[in-house]
Amino acid sequence: MRSIWKGSLTFGLVNVPVKVYSATEDHDVPLHQVHDVDGGRIRYKRVCEVCGQTVAYSEIDRAYQDDAQTVVLTKDDLDSLPAERSREIDVVEFVPSDQVDLLTLDRAYYLEPDSKSPKAYVLLRKTLEATDRTAIVRFTLRQKTRLAALRVRGDVLVLQTLLWSDEVREADFPSLHEKVTVSDKELELSATLVEGFSSDFDPTAFVDEYQAELRTLIDAKIEKGEAFETEETFAPAEKGGEVIDLMEALRASVEKSRAARGGASDEGKRDAG
């Protein structure tokens, strides 16, 4: 794995240097859009509405629009913010683990000790285990201040970002306010049904059936010859807004060169005569 960020876990006067890694990855079959008539690749261009030119990522800034005014924020502007410059993951409190609502959990990251001695890292890990607590931390990553839960998974500290409280919707459904009577017999039968499905959870026992079926479908189409050569689905490369066909440009250059040489040769013969 490749680390995406380096910083330090800080709580009190304790400082724990760490490297941050994405804990999850996407294994979905990659798909892209094509024209249903000829299979040609559909691409989206970044076009400036003022000059009409296609803009490279390196020339794009961020902006905020407020009524009739637009404020442009350059990369240097954003990097200069104090929170963005900070490389610290600050522990703000330790809370009982069961108080962290699963609904608020977002992206997960592994933390690796980044010092000659991992003692402080191990101490924090063992403390969280012994107290059955989750550390609530605050840090800035990719131009966004984040709240996260720091917990233990095996021998590794896991940082799991949390949604802010105003990002979680309230479930207010009128049907849930209706008075419903559930009998003891119904509860008993329902509990029996649950018992019949009871088991220890093993995530490796489950697979993404849709992705497996999609892969099977793709392989079947390839086997039946229902596929394009990849080159056929791409248009000629674009540069400066003009379509450039390299082979055609080379042929035209050769013909032009031959014509120029032929003309010079004819003039030489006339002069000699």
Protein backbone atom coordinates (compact mmCIF):
# COMPACT_ATOMS: atom_id res chain seq x y z
CA MET A 1 0.00 0.00 0.00
CA ARG A 2 1.04 3.58 -0.57
CA SER A 3 0.51 6.20 2.12
CA ILE A 4 -1.68 9.17 1.20
CA TRP A 5 -0.74 11.47 4.09
CA LYS A 6 1.74 11.85 6.95
CA GLY A 7 1.16 13.54 10.26
CA SER A 8 1.04 13.07 14.00
CA LEU A 9 -1.58 11.86 16.42
CA THR A 10 -1.57 14.20 19.39
CA PHE A 11 -3.30 13.83 22.77
CA GLY A 12 -2.10 15.85 25.72
CA LEU A 13 1.69 16.04 25.43
CA VAL A 14 1.91 12.71 23.62
CA ASN A 15 2.85 12.86 19.93
CA VAL A 16 2.54 9.76 17.71
CA PRO A 17 3.97 10.14 14.15
CA VAL A 18 1.84 8.14 11.67
CA LYS A 19 1.38 7.38 8.01
CA VAL A 20 -2.18 7.24 6.66
CA TYR A 21 -3.39 4.61 4.17
CA SER A 22 -6.78 4.04 2.54
CA ALA A 23 -8.23 0.97 4.24
CA THR A 24 -10.65 0.07 1.46
CA GLU A 25 -10.58 -0.22 -2.33
CA ASP A 26 -13.13 -0.49 -5.13
CA HIS A 27 -13.25 -3.77 -7.08
CA ASP A 28 -16.22 -2.92 -9.31
CA VAL A 29 -15.83 -3.75 -13.01
CA PRO A 30 -14.87 -0.41 -14.64
CA LEU A 31 -17.37 0.78 -17.25
CA HIS A 32 -17.44 3.86 -19.47
CA GLN A 33 -19.99 5.42 -21.81
CA VAL A 34 -20.07 4.78 -25.58
CA HIS A 35 -22.23 5.78 -28.54
CA ASP A 36 -24.86 3.03 -29.04
CA VAL A 37 -24.51 3.28 -32.84
CA ASP A 38 -20.78 2.72 -33.35
CA GLY A 39 -19.34 2.07 -29.86
CA GLY A 40 -17.32 5.29 -29.98
CA ARG A 41 -16.04 6.53 -26.61
CA ILE A 42 -18.02 9.38 -25.03
CA ARG A 43 -15.80 11.93 -23.30
CA TYR A 44 -16.51 15.07 -21.34
CA LYS A 45 -14.45 18.19 -21.92
CA ARG A 46 -13.64 20.98 -19.49
CA VAL A 47 -14.68 23.97 -21.59
CA CYS A 48 -14.43 27.59 -20.45
CA GLU A 49 -17.75 29.40 -20.95
CA VAL A 50 -15.95 32.72 -21.59
CA CYS A 51 -13.32 31.83 -24.22
CA GLY A 52 -14.68 28.47 -25.35
CA GLN A 53 -11.31 26.73 -24.98
CA THR A 54 -10.74 23.27 -23.52
CA VAL A 55 -8.93 23.79 -20.21
CA ALA A 56 -6.26 21.54 -18.67
CA TYR A 57 -6.60 20.53 -15.00
CA SER A 58 -3.41 22.49 -14.22
CA GLU A 59 -5.17 25.71 -15.32
CA ILE A 60 -8.29 25.23 -13.19
CA ASP A 61 -8.87 27.13 -9.93
CA ARG A 62 -11.78 26.89 -7.49
CA ALA A 63 -14.38 29.63 -7.04
CA TYR A 64 -17.25 30.65 -4.78
CA GLN A 65 -20.32 32.38 -6.21
CA ASP A 66 -22.41 34.68 -4.05
CA ASP A 67 -25.28 36.31 -5.92
CA ALA A 68 -23.66 38.54 -8.55
CA GLN A 69 -20.05 38.09 -7.38
CA THR A 70 -17.57 35.27 -7.92
CA VAL A 71 -14.47 34.89 -5.77
CA VAL A 72 -11.62 32.89 -7.34
CA LEU A 73 -9.50 30.81 -4.94
CA THR A 74 -6.12 29.63 -6.24
CA LYS A 75 -4.30 26.53 -5.02
CA ASP A 76 -1.89 28.82 -3.15
CA ASP A 77 -4.85 30.52 -1.45
CA LEU A 78 -6.23 27.20 -0.23
CA ASP A 79 -2.82 25.85 0.82
CA SER A 80 -2.21 28.99 2.89
CA LEU A 81 -5.12 28.30 5.26
CA PRO A 82 -3.84 27.42 8.77
CA ALA A 83 -5.97 24.27 9.02
CA GLU A 84 -4.66 22.99 5.67
CA ARG A 85 -1.05 23.48 6.73
CA SER A 86 -1.56 21.49 9.93
CA ARG A 87 -0.27 17.92 9.90
CA GLU A 88 -1.79 16.96 13.23
CA ILE A 89 -4.63 14.60 14.09
CA ASP A 90 -5.84 16.07 17.38
CA VAL A 91 -7.64 13.88 19.91
CA VAL A 92 -10.44 16.02 21.31
CA GLU A 93 -12.08 13.42 23.57
CA PHE A 94 -12.40 9.72 24.41
CA VAL A 95 -15.95 8.38 24.36
CA PRO A 96 -17.62 5.00 25.05
CA SER A 97 -17.43 3.05 21.80
CA ASP A 98 -21.16 2.32 21.76
CA GLN A 99 -21.89 6.06 21.58
CA VAL A 100 -20.51 6.33 18.04
CA ASP A 101 -23.53 6.04 15.74
CA LEU A 102 -22.76 3.61 12.89
CA LEU A 103 -24.80 5.83 10.57
CA THR A 104 -22.17 8.57 10.86
CA LEU A 105 -19.20 6.36 9.86
CA ASP A 106 -17.68 7.29 6.49
CA ARG A 107 -14.24 6.55 4.93
CA ALA A 108 -11.75 4.28 6.75
CA TYR A 109 -7.97 4.68 6.93
CA TYR A 110 -5.19 2.59 8.47
CA LEU A 111 -2.56 4.34 10.58
CA GLU A 112 1.01 3.02 10.57
CA PRO A 113 3.58 4.16 13.17
CA ASP A 114 6.13 6.44 11.50
CA SER A 115 8.95 6.58 14.05
CA LYS A 116 11.94 4.49 15.06
CA SER A 117 10.06 3.26 18.12
CA PRO A 118 6.33 2.36 17.89
CA LYS A 119 5.96 2.47 21.70
CA ALA A 120 3.66 5.51 21.79
CA TYR A 121 1.51 3.96 19.03
CA VAL A 122 1.21 0.65 20.89
CA LEU A 123 0.48 2.46 24.16
CA LEU A 124 -2.44 4.33 22.60
CA ARG A 125 -3.75 1.15 20.98
CA LYS A 126 -3.62 -0.82 24.24
CA THR A 127 -5.22 2.06 26.16
CA LEU A 128 -8.18 2.16 23.76
CA GLU A 129 -8.59 -1.62 24.08
CA ALA A 130 -8.37 -1.63 27.87
CA THR A 131 -10.84 1.21 28.36
CA ASP A 132 -13.24 0.20 25.54
CA ARG A 133 -13.10 3.79 24.35
CA THR A 134 -13.04 5.40 20.92
CA ALA A 135 -11.00 8.53 20.39
CA ILE A 136 -12.78 11.37 18.61
CA VAL A 137 -10.22 13.30 16.56
CA ARG A 138 -10.15 16.33 14.31
CA PHE A 139 -7.83 16.92 11.35
CA THR A 140 -7.67 18.47 7.88
CA LEU A 141 -7.25 16.35 4.75
CA ARG A 142 -7.64 17.43 1.12
CA GLN A 143 -8.96 20.90 1.89
CA LYS A 144 -11.64 19.71 4.29
CA THR A 145 -11.76 19.67 8.07
CA ARG A 146 -12.86 16.26 9.22
CA LEU A 147 -14.11 14.67 12.41
CA ALA A 148 -13.15 11.03 12.83
CA ALA A 149 -13.32 8.06 15.17
CA LEU A 150 -10.01 6.43 16.10
CA ARG A 151 -10.44 2.80 17.06
CA VAL A 152 -8.57 -0.50 17.15
CA ARG A 153 -8.78 -3.28 14.56
CA GLY A 154 -6.48 -6.15 15.45
CA ASP A 155 -3.03 -4.61 15.89
CA VAL A 156 -3.79 -1.53 13.81
CA LEU A 157 -5.27 1.85 14.67
CA VAL A 158 -8.09 2.71 12.26
CA LEU A 159 -9.20 6.25 11.54
CA GLN A 160 -12.80 6.40 10.31
CA THR A 161 -14.11 9.78 9.22
CA LEU A 162 -17.49 10.81 10.59
CA LEU A 163 -20.29 12.70 8.97
CA TRP A 164 -21.05 16.02 10.65
CA SER A 165 -24.27 16.02 12.64
CA ASP A 166 -26.04 18.27 10.10
CA GLU A 167 -25.17 15.82 7.30
CA VAL A 168 -27.35 13.07 8.78
CA ARG A 169 -31.01 13.36 7.89
CA GLU A 170 -33.75 12.90 10.47
CA ALA A 171 -36.12 10.01 9.77
CA ASP A 172 -39.55 11.53 10.26
CA PHE A 173 -42.06 9.23 8.59
CA PRO A 174 -45.80 9.69 9.43
CA SER A 175 -46.41 5.93 9.19
CA LEU A 176 -44.07 5.36 12.14
CA HIS A 177 -46.28 7.52 14.35
CA GLU A 178 -49.27 5.25 13.91
CA LYS A 179 -50.18 3.03 16.87
CA VAL A 180 -49.42 -0.61 16.08
CA THR A 181 -50.22 -3.56 18.35
CA VAL A 182 -47.83 -6.54 18.28
CA SER A 183 -48.95 -9.64 20.19
CA ASP A 184 -46.72 -11.81 22.36
CA LYS A 185 -47.29 -14.74 19.98
CA GLU A 186 -46.09 -12.68 17.00
CA LEU A 187 -42.97 -11.66 18.91
CA GLU A 188 -42.33 -15.28 19.85
CA LEU A 189 -42.64 -16.48 16.25
CA SER A 190 -40.46 -13.64 15.02
CA ALA A 191 -37.77 -14.49 17.58
CA THR A 192 -37.90 -18.13 16.47
CA LEU A 193 -37.34 -17.03 12.87
CA VAL A 194 -34.36 -14.92 13.92
CA GLU A 195 -32.91 -17.87 15.80
CA GLY A 196 -33.17 -19.97 12.65
CA PHE A 197 -31.03 -17.48 10.73
CA SER A 198 -28.57 -16.83 13.59
CA SER A 199 -24.87 -17.23 12.81
CA ASP A 200 -21.46 -15.65 13.36
CA PHE A 201 -20.81 -13.00 10.73
CA ASP A 202 -18.11 -13.94 8.21
CA PRO A 203 -17.78 -11.20 5.54
CA THR A 204 -15.65 -13.46 3.31
CA ALA A 205 -18.68 -15.73 2.86
CA PHE A 206 -20.40 -13.04 0.78
CA VAL A 207 -19.59 -11.88 -2.76
CA ASP A 208 -20.83 -9.06 -4.96
CA GLU A 209 -23.14 -11.12 -7.19
CA TYR A 210 -23.86 -8.27 -9.59
CA GLN A 211 -20.17 -7.66 -10.33
CA ALA A 212 -19.58 -11.42 -10.80
CA GLU A 213 -22.53 -11.64 -13.22
CA LEU A 214 -21.32 -8.53 -15.05
CA ARG A 215 -17.82 -10.05 -15.48
CA THR A 216 -19.41 -13.29 -16.80
CA LEU A 217 -21.50 -11.30 -19.30
CA ILE A 218 -18.45 -9.39 -20.54
CA ASP A 219 -16.43 -12.59 -20.98
CA ALA A 220 -19.31 -14.21 -22.87
CA LYS A 221 -19.58 -11.26 -25.27
CA ILE A 222 -15.82 -11.39 -25.92
CA GLU A 223 -16.01 -15.14 -26.58
CA LYS A 224 -18.88 -14.63 -29.08
CA GLY A 225 -16.92 -11.93 -30.91
CA GLU A 226 -19.23 -9.12 -29.79
CA ALA A 227 -16.39 -6.71 -29.10
CA PHE A 228 -14.55 -3.85 -30.82
CA GLU A 229 -10.84 -3.45 -31.12
CA THR A 230 -10.15 -0.75 -28.53
CA GLU A 231 -8.53 1.57 -31.11
CA GLU A 232 -11.80 1.62 -33.07
CA THR A 233 -13.66 3.25 -30.17
CA PHE A 234 -11.33 6.25 -29.88
CA ALA A 235 -11.33 9.37 -32.02
CA PRO A 236 -7.98 10.83 -33.20
CA ALA A 237 -6.09 12.71 -30.51
CA GLU A 238 -7.00 16.34 -30.01
CA LYS A 239 -4.60 19.22 -29.55
CA GLY A 240 -5.40 22.90 -29.42
CA GLY A 241 -8.99 22.28 -30.38
CA GLU A 242 -8.04 20.71 -33.75
CA VAL A 243 -8.25 17.03 -34.64
CA ILE A 244 -4.78 15.71 -35.50
CA ASP A 245 -4.35 12.44 -37.44
CA LEU A 246 -0.65 11.64 -37.07
CA MET A 247 -0.43 9.23 -40.02
CA GLU A 248 -2.31 11.63 -42.30
CA ALA A 249 -0.06 14.49 -41.20
CA LEU A 250 3.05 12.39 -41.96
CA ARG A 251 1.73 11.42 -45.41
CA ALA A 252 0.89 15.03 -46.22
CA SER A 253 4.37 16.12 -45.10
CA VAL A 254 6.02 13.50 -47.31
CA GLU A 255 3.92 14.50 -50.33
CA LYS A 256 4.68 18.16 -49.74
CA SER A 257 8.40 17.41 -49.46
CA ARG A 258 8.33 15.36 -52.69
CA ALA A 259 6.46 18.11 -54.53
CA ALA A 260 8.99 20.68 -53.35
CA ARG A 261 11.89 18.51 -54.50
CA GLY A 262 10.19 17.84 -57.84
CA GLY A 263 9.61 21.53 -58.45
CA ALA A 264 13.23 22.35 -57.68
CA SER A 265 14.39 19.59 -60.04
CA ASP A 266 12.22 20.91 -62.88
CA GLU A 267 13.57 24.45 -62.41
CA GLY A 268 17.13 23.07 -62.50
CA LYS A 269 16.45 21.32 -65.82
CA ARG A 270 15.01 24.51 -67.37
CA ASP A 271 18.00 26.55 -66.21
CA ALA A 272 20.39 23.97 -67.66
CA GLY A 273 18.59 24.05 -71.02
